[in-house]
Full PDB file with SEQRES, HELIX, SHEET, SSBOND, CRYST1, ORIGX, SCALE, CONECT and MASTER records, all heavy atoms in Angstrom:
SEQRES   1 A   35  ASP ASN PHE THR PHE PRO PHE VAL LEU LYS ALA CYS THR          
SEQRES   2 A   35  LYS LEU PHE TRP VAL LYS THR GLY SER ALA VAL HIS ALA          
SEQRES   3 A   35  ARG LEU LEU ARG PHE GLY PHE GLY SER                          
HELIX    1 AA1 THR A    4  LEU A   15  1                                  12    
HELIX    2 AA2 VAL A   18  ARG A   30  1                                  13    
CRYST1    1.000    1.000    1.000  90.00  90.00  90.00 P 1           1          
ORIGX1      1.000000  0.000000  0.000000        0.00000                         
ORIGX2      0.000000  1.000000  0.000000        0.00000                         
ORIGX3      0.000000  0.000000  1.000000        0.00000                         
SCALE1      1.000000  0.000000  0.000000        0.00000                         
SCALE2      0.000000  1.000000  0.000000        0.00000                         
SCALE3      0.000000  0.000000  1.000000        0.00000                         
ATOM      1  N   ASP A   1     -39.116 160.255 -49.335  1.00  0.00           N  
ATOM      2  CA  ASP A   1     -39.792 161.553 -49.297  1.00  0.00           C  
ATOM      3  C   ASP A   1     -41.306 161.338 -49.307  1.00  0.00           C  
ATOM      4  O   ASP A   1     -41.788 160.211 -49.161  1.00  0.00           O  
ATOM      5  CB  ASP A   1     -39.328 162.449 -50.452  1.00  0.00           C  
ATOM      6  CG  ASP A   1     -39.629 161.855 -51.820  1.00  0.00           C  
ATOM      7  OD1 ASP A   1     -40.451 160.920 -51.897  1.00  0.00           O  
ATOM      8  OD2 ASP A   1     -39.048 162.325 -52.815  1.00  0.00           O  
ATOM      9  N   ASN A   2     -42.039 162.402 -49.497  1.00  0.00           N  
ATOM     10  CA  ASN A   2     -43.495 162.311 -49.414  1.00  0.00           C  
ATOM     11  C   ASN A   2     -44.121 161.532 -50.570  1.00  0.00           C  
ATOM     12  O   ASN A   2     -45.300 161.175 -50.520  1.00  0.00           O  
ATOM     13  CB  ASN A   2     -44.114 163.714 -49.352  1.00  0.00           C  
ATOM     14  CG  ASN A   2     -43.754 164.561 -50.553  1.00  0.00           C  
ATOM     15  OD1 ASN A   2     -42.569 164.774 -50.831  1.00  0.00           O  
ATOM     16  ND2 ASN A   2     -44.741 165.056 -51.259  1.00  0.00           N  
ATOM     17  N   PHE A   3     -43.331 161.237 -51.619  1.00  0.00           N  
ATOM     18  CA  PHE A   3     -43.843 160.421 -52.719  1.00  0.00           C  
ATOM     19  C   PHE A   3     -43.611 158.929 -52.468  1.00  0.00           C  
ATOM     20  O   PHE A   3     -44.347 158.087 -52.986  1.00  0.00           O  
ATOM     21  CB  PHE A   3     -43.168 160.820 -54.047  1.00  0.00           C  
ATOM     22  CG  PHE A   3     -43.497 162.209 -54.494  1.00  0.00           C  
ATOM     23  CD1 PHE A   3     -42.566 163.221 -54.391  1.00  0.00           C  
ATOM     24  CD2 PHE A   3     -44.759 162.517 -55.000  1.00  0.00           C  
ATOM     25  CE1 PHE A   3     -42.862 164.514 -54.799  1.00  0.00           C  
ATOM     26  CE2 PHE A   3     -45.073 163.799 -55.410  1.00  0.00           C  
ATOM     27  CZ  PHE A   3     -44.122 164.809 -55.309  1.00  0.00           C  
ATOM     28  N   THR A   4     -42.596 158.620 -51.676  1.00  0.00           N  
ATOM     29  CA  THR A   4     -42.249 157.213 -51.425  1.00  0.00           C  
ATOM     30  C   THR A   4     -43.367 156.495 -50.689  1.00  0.00           C  
ATOM     31  O   THR A   4     -43.800 155.405 -51.094  1.00  0.00           O  
ATOM     32  CB  THR A   4     -40.955 157.117 -50.584  1.00  0.00           C  
ATOM     33  OG1 THR A   4     -39.955 157.971 -51.131  1.00  0.00           O  
ATOM     34  CG2 THR A   4     -40.468 155.685 -50.516  1.00  0.00           C  
ATOM     35  N   PHE A   5     -43.826 157.082 -49.592  1.00  0.00           N  
ATOM     36  CA  PHE A   5     -44.753 156.389 -48.696  1.00  0.00           C  
ATOM     37  C   PHE A   5     -46.116 156.066 -49.319  1.00  0.00           C  
ATOM     38  O   PHE A   5     -46.646 154.972 -49.095  1.00  0.00           O  
ATOM     39  CB  PHE A   5     -44.912 157.187 -47.400  1.00  0.00           C  
ATOM     40  CG  PHE A   5     -43.660 157.213 -46.572  1.00  0.00           C  
ATOM     41  CD1 PHE A   5     -42.918 158.375 -46.438  1.00  0.00           C  
ATOM     42  CD2 PHE A   5     -43.198 156.061 -45.944  1.00  0.00           C  
ATOM     43  CE1 PHE A   5     -41.758 158.401 -45.688  1.00  0.00           C  
ATOM     44  CE2 PHE A   5     -42.044 156.076 -45.185  1.00  0.00           C  
ATOM     45  CZ  PHE A   5     -41.308 157.244 -45.058  1.00  0.00           C  
ATOM     46  N   PRO A   6     -46.726 156.967 -50.115  1.00  0.00           N  
ATOM     47  CA  PRO A   6     -48.011 156.598 -50.729  1.00  0.00           C  
ATOM     48  C   PRO A   6     -47.917 155.357 -51.616  1.00  0.00           C  
ATOM     49  O   PRO A   6     -48.811 154.507 -51.600  1.00  0.00           O  
ATOM     50  CB  PRO A   6     -48.381 157.848 -51.543  1.00  0.00           C  
ATOM     51  CG  PRO A   6     -47.732 158.968 -50.818  1.00  0.00           C  
ATOM     52  CD  PRO A   6     -46.433 158.406 -50.332  1.00  0.00           C  
ATOM     53  N   PHE A   7     -46.817 155.237 -52.395  1.00  0.00           N  
ATOM     54  CA  PHE A   7     -46.664 154.084 -53.273  1.00  0.00           C  
ATOM     55  C   PHE A   7     -46.530 152.792 -52.466  1.00  0.00           C  
ATOM     56  O   PHE A   7     -47.139 151.762 -52.794  1.00  0.00           O  
ATOM     57  CB  PHE A   7     -45.441 154.248 -54.182  1.00  0.00           C  
ATOM     58  CG  PHE A   7     -45.489 155.464 -55.073  1.00  0.00           C  
ATOM     59  CD1 PHE A   7     -44.354 156.217 -55.322  1.00  0.00           C  
ATOM     60  CD2 PHE A   7     -46.682 155.857 -55.666  1.00  0.00           C  
ATOM     61  CE1 PHE A   7     -44.384 157.329 -56.146  1.00  0.00           C  
ATOM     62  CE2 PHE A   7     -46.736 156.967 -56.493  1.00  0.00           C  
ATOM     63  CZ  PHE A   7     -45.583 157.711 -56.734  1.00  0.00           C  
ATOM     64  N   VAL A   8     -45.753 152.849 -51.393  1.00  0.00           N  
ATOM     65  CA  VAL A   8     -45.551 151.653 -50.561  1.00  0.00           C  
ATOM     66  C   VAL A   8     -46.852 151.274 -49.858  1.00  0.00           C  
ATOM     67  O   VAL A   8     -47.212 150.091 -49.771  1.00  0.00           O  
ATOM     68  CB  VAL A   8     -44.433 151.882 -49.523  1.00  0.00           C  
ATOM     69  CG1 VAL A   8     -44.232 150.630 -48.672  1.00  0.00           C  
ATOM     70  CG2 VAL A   8     -43.132 152.250 -50.217  1.00  0.00           C  
ATOM     71  N   LEU A   9     -47.566 152.261 -49.360  1.00  0.00           N  
ATOM     72  CA  LEU A   9     -48.832 151.994 -48.673  1.00  0.00           C  
ATOM     73  C   LEU A   9     -49.869 151.393 -49.627  1.00  0.00           C  
ATOM     74  O   LEU A   9     -50.648 150.511 -49.242  1.00  0.00           O  
ATOM     75  CB  LEU A   9     -49.375 153.272 -48.045  1.00  0.00           C  
ATOM     76  CG  LEU A   9     -48.647 153.751 -46.781  1.00  0.00           C  
ATOM     77  CD1 LEU A   9     -49.065 155.165 -46.427  1.00  0.00           C  
ATOM     78  CD2 LEU A   9     -48.931 152.801 -45.606  1.00  0.00           C  
ATOM     79  N   LYS A  10     -49.878 151.847 -50.879  1.00  0.00           N  
ATOM     80  CA  LYS A  10     -50.800 151.272 -51.865  1.00  0.00           C  
ATOM     81  C   LYS A  10     -50.465 149.806 -52.125  1.00  0.00           C  
ATOM     82  O   LYS A  10     -51.361 148.968 -52.290  1.00  0.00           O  
ATOM     83  CB  LYS A  10     -50.746 152.074 -53.168  1.00  0.00           C  
ATOM     84  CG  LYS A  10     -51.460 153.421 -53.069  1.00  0.00           C  
ATOM     85  CD  LYS A  10     -51.359 154.213 -54.359  1.00  0.00           C  
ATOM     86  CE  LYS A  10     -52.063 155.567 -54.211  1.00  0.00           C  
ATOM     87  NZ  LYS A  10     -51.939 156.382 -55.441  1.00  0.00           N  
ATOM     88  N   ALA A  11     -49.156 149.489 -52.150  1.00  0.00           N  
ATOM     89  CA  ALA A  11     -48.742 148.091 -52.328  1.00  0.00           C  
ATOM     90  C   ALA A  11     -49.186 147.253 -51.135  1.00  0.00           C  
ATOM     91  O   ALA A  11     -49.697 146.134 -51.296  1.00  0.00           O  
ATOM     92  CB  ALA A  11     -47.223 148.015 -52.508  1.00  0.00           C  
ATOM     93  N   CYS A  12     -49.018 147.780 -49.930  1.00  0.00           N  
ATOM     94  CA  CYS A  12     -49.438 147.052 -48.727  1.00  0.00           C  
ATOM     95  C   CYS A  12     -50.947 146.826 -48.709  1.00  0.00           C  
ATOM     96  O   CYS A  12     -51.426 145.775 -48.273  1.00  0.00           O  
ATOM     97  CB  CYS A  12     -49.023 147.823 -47.469  1.00  0.00           C  
ATOM     98  SG  CYS A  12     -47.242 147.860 -47.188  1.00  0.00           S  
ATOM     99  N   THR A  13     -51.698 147.809 -49.198  1.00  0.00           N  
ATOM    100  CA  THR A  13     -53.159 147.674 -49.261  1.00  0.00           C  
ATOM    101  C   THR A  13     -53.551 146.568 -50.224  1.00  0.00           C  
ATOM    102  O   THR A  13     -54.420 145.740 -49.919  1.00  0.00           O  
ATOM    103  CB  THR A  13     -53.801 149.007 -49.698  1.00  0.00           C  
ATOM    104  OG1 THR A  13     -53.376 150.056 -48.813  1.00  0.00           O  
ATOM    105  CG2 THR A  13     -55.319 148.910 -49.679  1.00  0.00           C  
ATOM    106  N   LYS A  14     -52.908 146.541 -51.400  1.00  0.00           N  
ATOM    107  CA  LYS A  14     -53.205 145.488 -52.381  1.00  0.00           C  
ATOM    108  C   LYS A  14     -52.866 144.111 -51.839  1.00  0.00           C  
ATOM    109  O   LYS A  14     -53.576 143.136 -52.081  1.00  0.00           O  
ATOM    110  CB  LYS A  14     -52.402 145.730 -53.672  1.00  0.00           C  
ATOM    111  CG  LYS A  14     -52.939 146.817 -54.570  1.00  0.00           C  
ATOM    112  CD  LYS A  14     -52.123 146.860 -55.848  1.00  0.00           C  
ATOM    113  CE  LYS A  14     -52.617 147.931 -56.794  1.00  0.00           C  
ATOM    114  NZ  LYS A  14     -51.815 147.980 -58.046  1.00  0.00           N  
ATOM    115  N   LEU A  15     -51.745 144.028 -51.121  1.00  0.00           N  
ATOM    116  CA  LEU A  15     -51.271 142.750 -50.592  1.00  0.00           C  
ATOM    117  C   LEU A  15     -51.974 142.353 -49.297  1.00  0.00           C  
ATOM    118  O   LEU A  15     -51.810 141.231 -48.820  1.00  0.00           O  
ATOM    119  CB  LEU A  15     -49.760 142.816 -50.346  1.00  0.00           C  
ATOM    120  CG  LEU A  15     -48.878 142.959 -51.585  1.00  0.00           C  
ATOM    121  CD1 LEU A  15     -47.471 143.407 -51.187  1.00  0.00           C  
ATOM    122  CD2 LEU A  15     -48.816 141.648 -52.354  1.00  0.00           C  
ATOM    123  N   PHE A  16     -52.687 143.306 -48.713  1.00  0.00           N  
ATOM    124  CA  PHE A  16     -53.341 143.117 -47.409  1.00  0.00           C  
ATOM    125  C   PHE A  16     -52.289 142.831 -46.332  1.00  0.00           C  
ATOM    126  O   PHE A  16     -52.490 141.986 -45.449  1.00  0.00           O  
ATOM    127  CB  PHE A  16     -54.374 141.976 -47.470  1.00  0.00           C  
ATOM    128  CG  PHE A  16     -55.577 142.245 -46.607  1.00  0.00           C  
ATOM    129  CD1 PHE A  16     -56.607 143.048 -47.054  1.00  0.00           C  
ATOM    130  CD2 PHE A  16     -55.680 141.716 -45.338  1.00  0.00           C  
ATOM    131  CE1 PHE A  16     -57.712 143.311 -46.264  1.00  0.00           C  
ATOM    132  CE2 PHE A  16     -56.775 141.974 -44.528  1.00  0.00           C  
ATOM    133  CZ  PHE A  16     -57.799 142.775 -45.002  1.00  0.00           C  
ATOM    134  N   TRP A  17     -51.172 143.527 -46.413  1.00  0.00           N  
ATOM    135  CA  TRP A  17     -50.085 143.367 -45.449  1.00  0.00           C  
ATOM    136  C   TRP A  17     -50.260 144.409 -44.344  1.00  0.00           C  
ATOM    137  O   TRP A  17     -49.690 145.498 -44.406  1.00  0.00           O  
ATOM    138  CB  TRP A  17     -48.737 143.525 -46.134  1.00  0.00           C  
ATOM    139  CG  TRP A  17     -48.339 142.318 -46.947  1.00  0.00           C  
ATOM    140  CD1 TRP A  17     -49.104 141.237 -47.211  1.00  0.00           C  
ATOM    141  CD2 TRP A  17     -47.085 142.100 -47.595  1.00  0.00           C  
ATOM    142  NE1 TRP A  17     -48.407 140.328 -47.981  1.00  0.00           N  
ATOM    143  CE2 TRP A  17     -47.170 140.829 -48.232  1.00  0.00           C  
ATOM    144  CE3 TRP A  17     -45.916 142.842 -47.704  1.00  0.00           C  
ATOM    145  CZ2 TRP A  17     -46.113 140.297 -48.969  1.00  0.00           C  
ATOM    146  CZ3 TRP A  17     -44.856 142.311 -48.444  1.00  0.00           C  
ATOM    147  CH2 TRP A  17     -44.953 141.055 -49.050  1.00  0.00           C  
ATOM    148  N   VAL A  18     -51.036 144.062 -43.353  1.00  0.00           N  
ATOM    149  CA  VAL A  18     -51.398 145.011 -42.297  1.00  0.00           C  
ATOM    150  C   VAL A  18     -50.185 145.380 -41.448  1.00  0.00           C  
ATOM    151  O   VAL A  18     -49.950 146.562 -41.168  1.00  0.00           O  
ATOM    152  CB  VAL A  18     -52.514 144.424 -41.412  1.00  0.00           C  
ATOM    153  CG1 VAL A  18     -52.862 145.392 -40.287  1.00  0.00           C  
ATOM    154  CG2 VAL A  18     -53.752 144.116 -42.251  1.00  0.00           C  
ATOM    155  N   LYS A  19     -49.396 144.394 -41.025  1.00  0.00           N  
ATOM    156  CA  LYS A  19     -48.244 144.673 -40.161  1.00  0.00           C  
ATOM    157  C   LYS A  19     -47.214 145.535 -40.874  1.00  0.00           C  
ATOM    158  O   LYS A  19     -46.666 146.478 -40.296  1.00  0.00           O  
ATOM    159  CB  LYS A  19     -47.609 143.362 -39.696  1.00  0.00           C  
ATOM    160  CG  LYS A  19     -48.440 142.597 -38.678  1.00  0.00           C  
ATOM    161  CD  LYS A  19     -47.701 141.361 -38.183  1.00  0.00           C  
ATOM    162  CE  LYS A  19     -48.522 140.629 -37.133  1.00  0.00           C  
ATOM    163  NZ  LYS A  19     -47.830 139.399 -36.641  1.00  0.00           N  
ATOM    164  N   THR A  20     -46.943 145.211 -42.133  1.00  0.00           N  
ATOM    165  CA  THR A  20     -45.969 145.991 -42.904  1.00  0.00           C  
ATOM    166  C   THR A  20     -46.466 147.412 -43.090  1.00  0.00           C  
ATOM    167  O   THR A  20     -45.705 148.380 -42.914  1.00  0.00           O  
ATOM    168  CB  THR A  20     -45.719 145.343 -44.271  1.00  0.00           C  
ATOM    169  OG1 THR A  20     -45.304 143.988 -44.089  1.00  0.00           O  
ATOM    170  CG2 THR A  20     -44.644 146.091 -45.041  1.00  0.00           C  
ATOM    171  N   GLY A  21     -47.747 147.564 -43.431  1.00  0.00           N  
ATOM    172  CA  GLY A  21     -48.309 148.898 -43.606  1.00  0.00           C  
ATOM    173  C   GLY A  21     -48.282 149.706 -42.324  1.00  0.00           C  
ATOM    174  O   GLY A  21     -48.010 150.918 -42.335  1.00  0.00           O  
ATOM    175  N   SER A  22     -48.522 149.051 -41.196  1.00  0.00           N  
ATOM    176  CA  SER A  22     -48.473 149.754 -39.902  1.00  0.00           C  
ATOM    177  C   SER A  22     -47.055 150.198 -39.579  1.00  0.00           C  
ATOM    178  O   SER A  22     -46.850 151.277 -39.006  1.00  0.00           O  
ATOM    179  CB  SER A  22     -48.995 148.828 -38.796  1.00  0.00           C  
ATOM    180  OG  SER A  22     -50.352 148.482 -39.038  1.00  0.00           O  
ATOM    181  N   ALA A  23     -46.069 149.377 -39.959  1.00  0.00           N  
ATOM    182  CA  ALA A  23     -44.665 149.757 -39.741  1.00  0.00           C  
ATOM    183  C   ALA A  23     -44.296 150.952 -40.614  1.00  0.00           C  
ATOM    184  O   ALA A  23     -43.568 151.857 -40.175  1.00  0.00           O  
ATOM    185  CB  ALA A  23     -43.754 148.568 -40.057  1.00  0.00           C  
ATOM    186  N   VAL A  24     -44.815 150.971 -41.854  1.00  0.00           N  
ATOM    187  CA  VAL A  24     -44.590 152.121 -42.746  1.00  0.00           C  
ATOM    188  C   VAL A  24     -45.232 153.366 -42.145  1.00  0.00           C  
ATOM    189  O   VAL A  24     -44.655 154.469 -42.196  1.00  0.00           O  
ATOM    190  CB  VAL A  24     -45.160 151.826 -44.151  1.00  0.00           C  
ATOM    191  CG1 VAL A  24     -45.093 153.076 -45.034  1.00  0.00           C  
ATOM    192  CG2 VAL A  24     -44.402 150.668 -44.811  1.00  0.00           C  
ATOM    193  N   HIS A  25     -46.405 153.211 -41.543  1.00  0.00           N  
ATOM    194  CA  HIS A  25     -47.101 154.319 -40.879  1.00  0.00           C  
ATOM    195  C   HIS A  25     -46.202 154.923 -39.798  1.00  0.00           C  
ATOM    196  O   HIS A  25     -46.012 156.154 -39.727  1.00  0.00           O  
ATOM    197  CB  HIS A  25     -48.411 153.803 -40.273  1.00  0.00           C  
ATOM    198  CG  HIS A  25     -49.238 154.873 -39.623  1.00  0.00           C  
ATOM    199  ND1 HIS A  25     -50.479 154.618 -39.064  1.00  0.00           N  
ATOM    200  CD2 HIS A  25     -49.010 156.204 -39.426  1.00  0.00           C  
ATOM    201  CE1 HIS A  25     -50.976 155.738 -38.577  1.00  0.00           C  
ATOM    202  NE2 HIS A  25     -50.107 156.709 -38.767  1.00  0.00           N  
ATOM    203  N   ALA A  26     -45.641 154.062 -38.968  1.00  0.00           N  
ATOM    204  CA  ALA A  26     -44.780 154.548 -37.881  1.00  0.00           C  
ATOM    205  C   ALA A  26     -43.560 155.285 -38.426  1.00  0.00           C  
ATOM    206  O   ALA A  26     -43.153 156.328 -37.898  1.00  0.00           O  
ATOM    207  CB  ALA A  26     -44.347 153.365 -37.012  1.00  0.00           C  
ATOM    208  N   ARG A  27     -42.996 154.754 -39.501  1.00  0.00           N  
ATOM    209  CA  ARG A  27     -41.774 155.353 -40.047  1.00  0.00           C  
ATOM    210  C   ARG A  27     -42.054 156.699 -40.714  1.00  0.00           C  
ATOM    211  O   ARG A  27     -41.266 157.643 -40.580  1.00  0.00           O  
ATOM    212  CB  ARG A  27     -41.134 154.403 -41.059  1.00  0.00           C  
ATOM    213  CG  ARG A  27     -39.725 154.815 -41.474  1.00  0.00           C  
ATOM    214  CD  ARG A  27     -38.932 153.648 -42.011  1.00  0.00           C  
ATOM    215  NE  ARG A  27     -37.572 154.058 -42.322  1.00  0.00           N  
ATOM    216  CZ  ARG A  27     -37.109 154.277 -43.541  1.00  0.00           C  
ATOM    217  NH1 ARG A  27     -37.910 154.108 -44.591  1.00  0.00           N  
ATOM    218  NH2 ARG A  27     -35.867 154.659 -43.744  1.00  0.00           N  
ATOM    219  N   LEU A  28     -43.175 156.818 -41.410  1.00  0.00           N  
ATOM    220  CA  LEU A  28     -43.472 158.101 -42.059  1.00  0.00           C  
ATOM    221  C   LEU A  28     -43.727 159.195 -41.024  1.00  0.00           C  
ATOM    222  O   LEU A  28     -43.443 160.383 -41.262  1.00  0.00           O  
ATOM    223  CB  LEU A  28     -44.635 157.956 -43.051  1.00  0.00           C  
ATOM    224  CG  LEU A  28     -46.071 157.746 -42.562  1.00  0.00           C  
ATOM    225  CD1 LEU A  28     -46.753 159.061 -42.235  1.00  0.00           C  
ATOM    226  CD2 LEU A  28     -46.873 157.009 -43.622  1.00  0.00           C  
ATOM    227  N   LEU A  29     -44.271 158.798 -39.857  1.00  0.00           N  
ATOM    228  CA  LEU A  29     -44.454 159.779 -38.784  1.00  0.00           C  
ATOM    229  C   LEU A  29     -43.116 160.267 -38.264  1.00  0.00           C  
ATOM    230  O   LEU A  29     -42.948 161.459 -37.961  1.00  0.00           O  
ATOM    231  CB  LEU A  29     -45.278 159.163 -37.649  1.00  0.00           C  
ATOM    232  CG  LEU A  29     -46.763 158.882 -37.936  1.00  0.00           C  
ATOM    233  CD1 LEU A  29     -47.420 158.206 -36.747  1.00  0.00           C  
ATOM    234  CD2 LEU A  29     -47.498 160.167 -38.307  1.00  0.00           C  
ATOM    235  N   ARG A  30     -42.137 159.349 -38.170  1.00  0.00           N  
ATOM    236  CA  ARG A  30     -40.794 159.736 -37.706  1.00  0.00           C  
ATOM    237  C   ARG A  30     -40.137 160.707 -38.676  1.00  0.00           C  
ATOM    238  O   ARG A  30     -39.349 161.572 -38.280  1.00  0.00           O  
ATOM    239  CB  ARG A  30     -39.907 158.495 -37.540  1.00  0.00           C  
ATOM    240  CG  ARG A  30     -40.264 157.648 -36.328  1.00  0.00           C  
ATOM    241  CD  ARG A  30     -39.111 156.748 -35.916  1.00  0.00           C  
ATOM    242  NE  ARG A  30     -38.743 155.799 -36.944  1.00  0.00           N  
ATOM    243  CZ  ARG A  30     -39.291 154.601 -37.092  1.00  0.00           C  
ATOM    244  NH1 ARG A  30     -40.266 154.222 -36.262  1.00  0.00           N  
ATOM    245  NH2 ARG A  30     -38.880 153.786 -38.039  1.00  0.00           N  
ATOM    246  N   PHE A  31     -40.459 160.567 -39.961  1.00  0.00           N  
ATOM    247  CA  PHE A  31     -39.890 161.466 -40.966  1.00  0.00           C  
ATOM    248  C   PHE A  31     -40.698 162.750 -41.112  1.00  0.00           C  
ATOM    249  O   PHE A  31     -40.345 163.625 -41.907  1.00  0.00           O  
ATOM    250  CB  PHE A  31     -39.795 160.761 -42.322  1.00  0.00           C  
ATOM    251  CG  PHE A  31     -38.570 159.906 -42.489  1.00  0.00           C  
ATOM    252  CD1 PHE A  31     -38.590 158.569 -42.159  1.00  0.00           C  
ATOM    253  CD2 PHE A  31     -37.385 160.445 -42.963  1.00  0.00           C  
ATOM    254  CE1 PHE A  31     -37.476 157.773 -42.313  1.00  0.00           C  
ATOM    255  CE2 PHE A  31     -36.256 159.667 -43.118  1.00  0.00           C  
ATOM    256  CZ  PHE A  31     -36.284 158.319 -42.787  1.00  0.00           C  
ATOM    257  N   GLY A  32     -41.804 162.864 -40.368  1.00  0.00           N  
ATOM    258  CA  GLY A  32     -42.563 164.110 -40.351  1.00  0.00           C  
ATOM    259  C   GLY A  32     -43.521 164.303 -41.503  1.00  0.00           C  
ATOM    260  O   GLY A  32     -43.857 165.449 -41.848  1.00  0.00           O  
ATOM    261  N   PHE A  33     -43.989 163.200 -42.118  1.00  0.00           N  
ATOM    262  CA  PHE A  33     -44.898 163.321 -43.259  1.00  0.00           C  
ATOM    263  C   PHE A  33     -46.365 163.080 -42.890  1.00  0.00           C  
ATOM    264  O   PHE A  33     -47.217 162.983 -43.769  1.00  0.00           O  
ATOM    265  CB  PHE A  33     -44.490 162.338 -44.374  1.00  0.00           C  
ATOM    266  CG  PHE A  33     -43.169 162.668 -45.009  1.00  0.00           C  
ATOM    267  CD1 PHE A  33     -42.112 161.774 -44.923  1.00  0.00           C  
ATOM    268  CD2 PHE A  33     -42.973 163.866 -45.666  1.00  0.00           C  
ATOM    269  CE1 PHE A  33     -40.886 162.062 -45.499  1.00  0.00           C  
ATOM    270  CE2 PHE A  33     -41.750 164.174 -46.250  1.00  0.00           C  
ATOM    271  CZ  PHE A  33     -40.698 163.271 -46.162  1.00  0.00           C  
ATOM    272  N   GLY A  34     -46.651 162.996 -41.598  1.00  0.00           N  
ATOM    273  CA  GLY A  34     -48.012 162.711 -41.170  1.00  0.00           C  
ATOM    274  C   GLY A  34     -49.015 163.789 -41.529  1.00  0.00           C  
ATOM    275  O   GLY A  34     -50.213 163.515 -41.660  1.00  0.00           O  
ATOM    276  N   SER A  35     -48.553 165.020 -41.706  1.00  0.00           N  
ATOM    277  CA  SER A  35     -49.467 166.120 -42.018  1.00  0.00           C  
ATOM    278  C   SER A  35     -49.616 166.360 -43.516  1.00  0.00           C  
ATOM    279  O   SER A  35     -50.447 167.175 -43.931  1.00  0.00           O  
ATOM    280  CB  SER A  35     -48.968 167.407 -41.347  1.00  0.00           C  
ATOM    281  OG  SER A  35     -47.664 167.732 -41.802  1.00  0.00           O  
TER     282      SER A  35                                                      
MASTER        0    0    0    2    0    0    0    6  281    1    0    3          
END                                                                             
């Protein structure tokens, strides 16, 4: 849900995992949370 993605993105930012964070970006858009 809309709470899941912010936590995962914060972890990716800390880890500097650009590819993983970009994949999370694509998936959250598919679930309609981009807005």
